[in-house]
Amino acid sequence: MKKTAAAPEAPETYREMLLTRRSEVLSSLGVKFDGRAALGRVAEDDQAQISHDEFVSLRINSLDYAQLRLIGEALDRLETGDYGVCLACEEPIAPKRLKAISWARYCVNCQDKLARS
């Protein structure tokens, strides 16, 4: 039996938190990525560092896109009334956790179990 979220905050508060975070992530995408294009021709010695920097930028962008997906899922759960309920155990997610990670899908216990497996 699915339980309802016991979050003391109004759904609009969480929606604002999610939308704000989504906006922050979107504004940072692409900013980290134009290293090589901005430099033009570079010495061979610098190419390794530039390649590494581009790899790091691509990885960060990948993480940002993953976070955007999680934020989108959380916004969907807000719409359906499932926000704040752990996807694994169906218990309410602690409001303190939702304030820290507004897109959280799992309670602390279930997240810990998933991380260990």
N, C-alpha and C. Protein backbone atom coordinates (compact mmCIF):
# COMPACT_ATOMS: atom_id res chain seq x y z
N MET A 1 0.84 -1.18 0.00
CA MET A 1 0.00 0.00 0.00
C MET A 1 0.88 1.24 0.00
N LYS A 2 0.69 2.11 -0.97
CA LYS A 2 1.51 3.30 -1.11
C LYS A 2 1.11 4.34 -0.07
N LYS A 3 2.10 4.90 0.60
CA LYS A 3 1.85 5.91 1.61
C LYS A 3 1.99 7.29 1.01
N THR A 4 1.34 8.26 1.60
CA THR A 4 1.46 9.63 1.12
C THR A 4 2.63 10.29 1.80
N ALA A 5 3.18 11.27 1.15
CA ALA A 5 4.33 11.98 1.69
C ALA A 5 3.93 12.75 2.93
N ALA A 6 4.80 12.75 3.91
CA ALA A 6 4.53 13.46 5.14
C ALA A 6 5.38 14.72 5.21
N ALA A 7 5.62 15.34 4.08
CA ALA A 7 6.46 16.53 4.03
C ALA A 7 5.69 17.73 4.58
N PRO A 8 6.25 18.43 5.57
CA PRO A 8 5.54 19.56 6.16
C PRO A 8 5.51 20.77 5.24
N GLU A 9 6.42 20.84 4.30
CA GLU A 9 6.45 21.96 3.37
C GLU A 9 5.33 21.81 2.35
N ALA A 10 4.84 22.93 1.88
CA ALA A 10 3.82 22.91 0.84
C ALA A 10 4.46 22.43 -0.46
N PRO A 11 3.70 21.73 -1.29
CA PRO A 11 4.25 21.25 -2.56
C PRO A 11 4.87 22.39 -3.39
N GLU A 12 4.31 23.58 -3.29
CA GLU A 12 4.86 24.71 -4.06
C GLU A 12 6.28 25.06 -3.62
N THR A 13 6.58 24.85 -2.34
CA THR A 13 7.94 25.12 -1.85
C THR A 13 8.92 24.17 -2.53
N TYR A 14 8.56 22.90 -2.59
CA TYR A 14 9.43 21.93 -3.25
C TYR A 14 9.51 22.19 -4.74
N ARG A 15 8.39 22.57 -5.35
CA ARG A 15 8.39 22.90 -6.78
C ARG A 15 9.36 24.05 -7.06
N GLU A 16 9.32 25.08 -6.22
CA GLU A 16 10.24 26.22 -6.38
C GLU A 16 11.69 25.78 -6.24
N MET A 17 11.96 24.92 -5.25
CA MET A 17 13.33 24.42 -5.06
C MET A 17 13.80 23.65 -6.30
N LEU A 18 12.93 22.80 -6.83
CA LEU A 18 13.28 22.00 -8.01
C LEU A 18 13.48 22.89 -9.23
N LEU A 19 12.60 23.84 -9.44
CA LEU A 19 12.71 24.72 -10.60
C LEU A 19 13.94 25.61 -10.51
N THR A 20 14.26 26.06 -9.31
CA THR A 20 15.47 26.87 -9.12
C THR A 20 16.71 26.06 -9.44
N ARG A 21 16.76 24.84 -8.93
CA ARG A 21 17.93 23.98 -9.21
C ARG A 21 18.03 23.66 -10.69
N ARG A 22 16.88 23.39 -11.32
CA ARG A 22 16.90 23.10 -12.76
C ARG A 22 17.44 24.30 -13.53
N SER A 23 17.04 25.48 -13.14
CA SER A 23 17.52 26.70 -13.79
C SER A 23 19.04 26.87 -13.61
N GLU A 24 19.54 26.59 -12.41
CA GLU A 24 20.98 26.68 -12.14
C GLU A 24 21.76 25.70 -13.01
N VAL A 25 21.28 24.49 -13.10
CA VAL A 25 21.98 23.47 -13.88
C VAL A 25 21.96 23.84 -15.36
N LEU A 26 20.80 24.27 -15.85
CA LEU A 26 20.70 24.65 -17.26
C LEU A 26 21.61 25.82 -17.60
N SER A 27 21.73 26.78 -16.70
CA SER A 27 22.58 27.94 -16.99
C SER A 27 24.06 27.58 -16.98
N SER A 28 24.43 26.50 -16.28
CA SER A 28 25.85 26.13 -16.25
C SER A 28 26.24 25.20 -17.40
N LEU A 29 25.27 24.59 -18.05
CA LEU A 29 25.59 23.68 -19.17
C LEU A 29 26.23 24.45 -20.32
N GLY A 30 27.25 23.89 -20.88
CA GLY A 30 27.89 24.51 -22.03
C GLY A 30 28.92 25.56 -21.66
N VAL A 31 28.80 26.18 -20.51
CA VAL A 31 29.75 27.21 -20.11
C VAL A 31 31.13 26.60 -19.92
N LYS A 32 31.18 25.37 -19.48
CA LYS A 32 32.45 24.72 -19.14
C LYS A 32 33.14 24.10 -20.35
N PHE A 33 32.56 24.21 -21.53
CA PHE A 33 33.00 23.34 -22.60
C PHE A 33 33.79 23.96 -23.76
N ASP A 34 34.00 25.23 -23.85
CA ASP A 34 34.61 25.80 -25.04
C ASP A 34 36.11 26.06 -24.92
N GLY A 35 36.83 25.27 -24.16
CA GLY A 35 38.25 25.48 -23.95
C GLY A 35 39.09 25.48 -25.20
N ARG A 36 38.99 24.44 -25.98
CA ARG A 36 39.82 24.30 -27.18
C ARG A 36 39.46 25.32 -28.25
N ALA A 37 38.18 25.55 -28.44
CA ALA A 37 37.73 26.50 -29.45
C ALA A 37 38.20 27.91 -29.11
N ALA A 38 38.23 28.25 -27.86
CA ALA A 38 38.63 29.60 -27.45
C ALA A 38 40.13 29.82 -27.64
N LEU A 39 40.92 28.75 -27.56
CA LEU A 39 42.36 28.90 -27.65
C LEU A 39 42.89 28.90 -29.08
N GLY A 40 42.15 28.36 -30.01
CA GLY A 40 42.66 28.27 -31.37
C GLY A 40 43.76 27.23 -31.44
N ARG A 41 44.85 27.55 -32.12
CA ARG A 41 45.98 26.62 -32.21
C ARG A 41 46.76 26.61 -30.92
N VAL A 42 47.15 25.42 -30.48
CA VAL A 42 47.92 25.31 -29.24
C VAL A 42 49.14 24.43 -29.47
N ALA A 43 50.10 24.60 -28.60
CA ALA A 43 51.32 23.79 -28.67
C ALA A 43 50.98 22.34 -28.33
N GLU A 44 51.79 21.43 -28.88
CA GLU A 44 51.56 20.01 -28.64
C GLU A 44 51.58 19.68 -27.16
N ASP A 45 52.46 20.32 -26.41
CA ASP A 45 52.57 20.06 -24.97
C ASP A 45 51.27 20.40 -24.24
N ASP A 46 50.53 21.37 -24.74
CA ASP A 46 49.30 21.79 -24.07
C ASP A 46 48.08 20.95 -24.47
N GLN A 47 48.21 20.18 -25.53
CA GLN A 47 47.06 19.42 -26.01
C GLN A 47 46.58 18.37 -25.01
N ALA A 48 47.50 17.74 -24.29
CA ALA A 48 47.10 16.73 -23.30
C ALA A 48 46.26 17.37 -22.20
N GLN A 49 46.70 18.53 -21.73
CA GLN A 49 45.95 19.22 -20.68
C GLN A 49 44.58 19.67 -21.19
N ILE A 50 44.53 20.15 -22.41
CA ILE A 50 43.26 20.59 -22.98
C ILE A 50 42.32 19.40 -23.16
N SER A 51 42.86 18.28 -23.62
CA SER A 51 42.04 17.08 -23.78
C SER A 51 41.49 16.62 -22.43
N HIS A 52 42.32 16.66 -21.41
CA HIS A 52 41.88 16.29 -20.07
C HIS A 52 40.79 17.24 -19.58
N ASP A 53 40.99 18.54 -19.78
CA ASP A 53 39.99 19.53 -19.36
C ASP A 53 38.66 19.31 -20.08
N GLU A 54 38.73 18.98 -21.36
CA GLU A 54 37.50 18.72 -22.12
C GLU A 54 36.80 17.46 -21.62
N PHE A 55 37.59 16.43 -21.29
CA PHE A 55 37.02 15.21 -20.72
C PHE A 55 36.28 15.52 -19.42
N VAL A 56 36.92 16.30 -18.56
CA VAL A 56 36.30 16.68 -17.29
C VAL A 56 35.02 17.47 -17.55
N SER A 57 35.05 18.39 -18.49
CA SER A 57 33.86 19.19 -18.82
C SER A 57 32.73 18.31 -19.33
N LEU A 58 33.06 17.36 -20.19
CA LEU A 58 32.03 16.44 -20.70
C LEU A 58 31.44 15.60 -19.58
N ARG A 59 32.27 15.16 -18.66
CA ARG A 59 31.79 14.35 -17.53
C ARG A 59 30.86 15.18 -16.64
N ILE A 60 31.24 16.42 -16.38
CA ILE A 60 30.40 17.30 -15.55
C ILE A 60 29.07 17.55 -16.26
N ASN A 61 29.13 17.80 -17.56
CA ASN A 61 27.88 17.99 -18.31
C ASN A 61 27.02 16.74 -18.26
N SER A 62 27.63 15.57 -18.32
CA SER A 62 26.89 14.31 -18.22
C SER A 62 26.17 14.22 -16.87
N LEU A 63 26.87 14.57 -15.81
CA LEU A 63 26.27 14.57 -14.48
C LEU A 63 25.15 15.59 -14.38
N ASP A 64 25.34 16.74 -15.01
CA ASP A 64 24.29 17.77 -15.02
C ASP A 64 23.04 17.27 -15.73
N TYR A 65 23.23 16.60 -16.86
CA TYR A 65 22.07 16.06 -17.59
C TYR A 65 21.35 14.99 -16.76
N ALA A 66 22.11 14.19 -16.05
CA ALA A 66 21.49 13.18 -15.18
C ALA A 66 20.69 13.86 -14.07
N GLN A 67 21.24 14.92 -13.52
CA GLN A 67 20.51 15.65 -12.48
C GLN A 67 19.25 16.29 -13.04
N LEU A 68 19.32 16.82 -14.25
CA LEU A 68 18.13 17.39 -14.88
C LEU A 68 17.04 16.33 -15.04
N ARG A 69 17.43 15.12 -15.39
CA ARG A 69 16.46 14.02 -15.53
C ARG A 69 15.80 13.73 -14.19
N LEU A 70 16.60 13.67 -13.13
CA LEU A 70 16.06 13.40 -11.79
C LEU A 70 15.14 14.53 -11.33
N ILE A 71 15.49 15.75 -11.65
CA ILE A 71 14.64 16.89 -11.30
C ILE A 71 13.32 16.80 -12.05
N GLY A 72 13.38 16.45 -13.33
CA GLY A 72 12.16 16.28 -14.12
C GLY A 72 11.26 15.20 -13.55
N GLU A 73 11.87 14.08 -13.12
CA GLU A 73 11.10 13.00 -12.51
C GLU A 73 10.45 13.47 -11.21
N ALA A 74 11.18 14.26 -10.42
CA ALA A 74 10.63 14.76 -9.15
C ALA A 74 9.45 15.70 -9.42
N LEU A 75 9.57 16.54 -10.44
CA LEU A 75 8.46 17.43 -10.80
C LEU A 75 7.25 16.62 -11.24
N ASP A 76 7.49 15.53 -11.97
CA ASP A 76 6.38 14.64 -12.37
C ASP A 76 5.72 14.02 -11.14
N ARG A 77 6.54 13.60 -10.16
CA ARG A 77 5.97 13.02 -8.94
C ARG A 77 5.17 14.04 -8.15
N LEU A 78 5.58 15.30 -8.20
CA LEU A 78 4.79 16.36 -7.56
C LEU A 78 3.41 16.44 -8.19
N GLU A 79 3.38 16.35 -9.52
CA GLU A 79 2.10 16.43 -10.24
C GLU A 79 1.18 15.27 -9.92
N THR A 80 1.75 14.08 -9.73
CA THR A 80 0.93 12.89 -9.50
C THR A 80 0.66 12.65 -8.01
N GLY A 81 1.29 13.44 -7.15
CA GLY A 81 1.08 13.27 -5.72
C GLY A 81 1.97 12.23 -5.08
N ASP A 82 2.96 11.74 -5.81
CA ASP A 82 3.88 10.73 -5.30
C ASP A 82 5.19 11.31 -4.77
N TYR A 83 5.33 12.62 -4.83
CA TYR A 83 6.57 13.27 -4.39
C TYR A 83 6.75 13.06 -2.88
N GLY A 84 7.97 12.78 -2.48
CA GLY A 84 8.28 12.61 -1.07
C GLY A 84 8.06 11.21 -0.56
N VAL A 85 7.77 10.28 -1.45
CA VAL A 85 7.57 8.88 -1.08
C VAL A 85 8.71 8.07 -1.70
N CYS A 86 9.38 7.28 -0.89
CA CYS A 86 10.51 6.45 -1.35
C CYS A 86 10.02 5.47 -2.42
N LEU A 87 10.74 5.40 -3.52
CA LEU A 87 10.37 4.49 -4.61
C LEU A 87 10.62 3.03 -4.26
N ALA A 88 11.45 2.77 -3.25
CA ALA A 88 11.76 1.39 -2.88
C ALA A 88 10.83 0.86 -1.80
N CYS A 89 10.73 1.56 -0.68
CA CYS A 89 9.96 1.05 0.45
C CYS A 89 8.58 1.71 0.59
N GLU A 90 8.34 2.73 -0.20
CA GLU A 90 7.07 3.48 -0.21
C GLU A 90 6.77 4.18 1.10
N GLU A 91 7.80 4.40 1.91
CA GLU A 91 7.67 5.20 3.14
C GLU A 91 7.97 6.66 2.79
N PRO A 92 7.46 7.59 3.60
CA PRO A 92 7.77 9.00 3.34
C PRO A 92 9.26 9.28 3.48
N ILE A 93 9.77 10.12 2.60
CA ILE A 93 11.16 10.58 2.67
C ILE A 93 11.20 11.73 3.66
N ALA A 94 12.19 11.73 4.52
CA ALA A 94 12.31 12.76 5.56
C ALA A 94 12.37 14.16 4.92
N PRO A 95 11.61 15.09 5.47
CA PRO A 95 11.63 16.47 4.96
C PRO A 95 13.04 17.07 4.93
N LYS A 96 13.87 16.72 5.91
CA LYS A 96 15.24 17.22 5.95
C LYS A 96 16.01 16.77 4.71
N ARG A 97 15.78 15.53 4.30
CA ARG A 97 16.43 15.00 3.09
C ARG A 97 15.92 15.73 1.85
N LEU A 98 14.61 15.95 1.79
CA LEU A 98 14.04 16.64 0.63
C LEU A 98 14.51 18.09 0.54
N LYS A 99 14.76 18.71 1.67
CA LYS A 99 15.29 20.08 1.64
C LYS A 99 16.72 20.08 1.11
N ALA A 100 17.49 19.05 1.46
CA ALA A 100 18.88 18.96 1.02
C ALA A 100 18.98 18.51 -0.43
N ILE A 101 18.17 17.51 -0.79
CA ILE A 101 18.19 16.94 -2.15
C ILE A 101 16.73 16.84 -2.60
N SER A 102 16.23 17.92 -3.14
CA SER A 102 14.80 18.00 -3.46
C SER A 102 14.36 16.99 -4.51
N TRP A 103 15.29 16.43 -5.26
CA TRP A 103 14.95 15.44 -6.29
C TRP A 103 15.14 14.00 -5.80
N ALA A 104 15.35 13.82 -4.49
CA ALA A 104 15.60 12.49 -3.93
C ALA A 104 14.47 11.52 -4.28
N ARG A 105 14.85 10.32 -4.70
CA ARG A 105 13.88 9.27 -5.03
C ARG A 105 13.73 8.25 -3.92
N TYR A 106 14.73 8.20 -3.04
CA TYR A 106 14.76 7.18 -2.00
C TYR A 106 15.00 7.80 -0.63
N CYS A 107 14.48 7.15 0.40
CA CYS A 107 14.78 7.56 1.76
C CYS A 107 16.26 7.24 2.03
N VAL A 108 16.77 7.73 3.14
CA VAL A 108 18.19 7.53 3.46
C VAL A 108 18.53 6.04 3.56
N ASN A 109 17.68 5.27 4.24
CA ASN A 109 17.98 3.84 4.41
C ASN A 109 18.04 3.11 3.07
N CYS A 110 17.06 3.34 2.21
CA CYS A 110 17.05 2.65 0.91
C CYS A 110 18.18 3.14 0.02
N GLN A 111 18.50 4.43 0.07
CA GLN A 111 19.62 4.95 -0.73
C GLN A 111 20.92 4.31 -0.28
N ASP A 112 21.07 4.15 1.03
CA ASP A 112 22.27 3.51 1.57
C ASP A 112 22.37 2.05 1.09
N LYS A 113 21.25 1.34 1.11
CA LYS A 113 21.23 -0.05 0.64
C LYS A 113 21.60 -0.12 -0.84
N LEU A 114 21.06 0.79 -1.63
CA LEU A 114 21.36 0.81 -3.07
C LEU A 114 22.84 1.11 -3.31
N ALA A 115 23.40 2.00 -2.52
CA ALA A 115 24.80 2.38 -2.70
C ALA A 115 25.73 1.23 -2.35
N ARG A 116 25.34 0.39 -1.41
CA ARG A 116 26.17 -0.73 -1.00
C ARG A 116 26.06 -1.93 -1.92
N SER A 117 25.00 -2.00 -2.72
CA SER A 117 24.82 -3.18 -3.58
C SER A 117 25.48 -3.02 -4.92
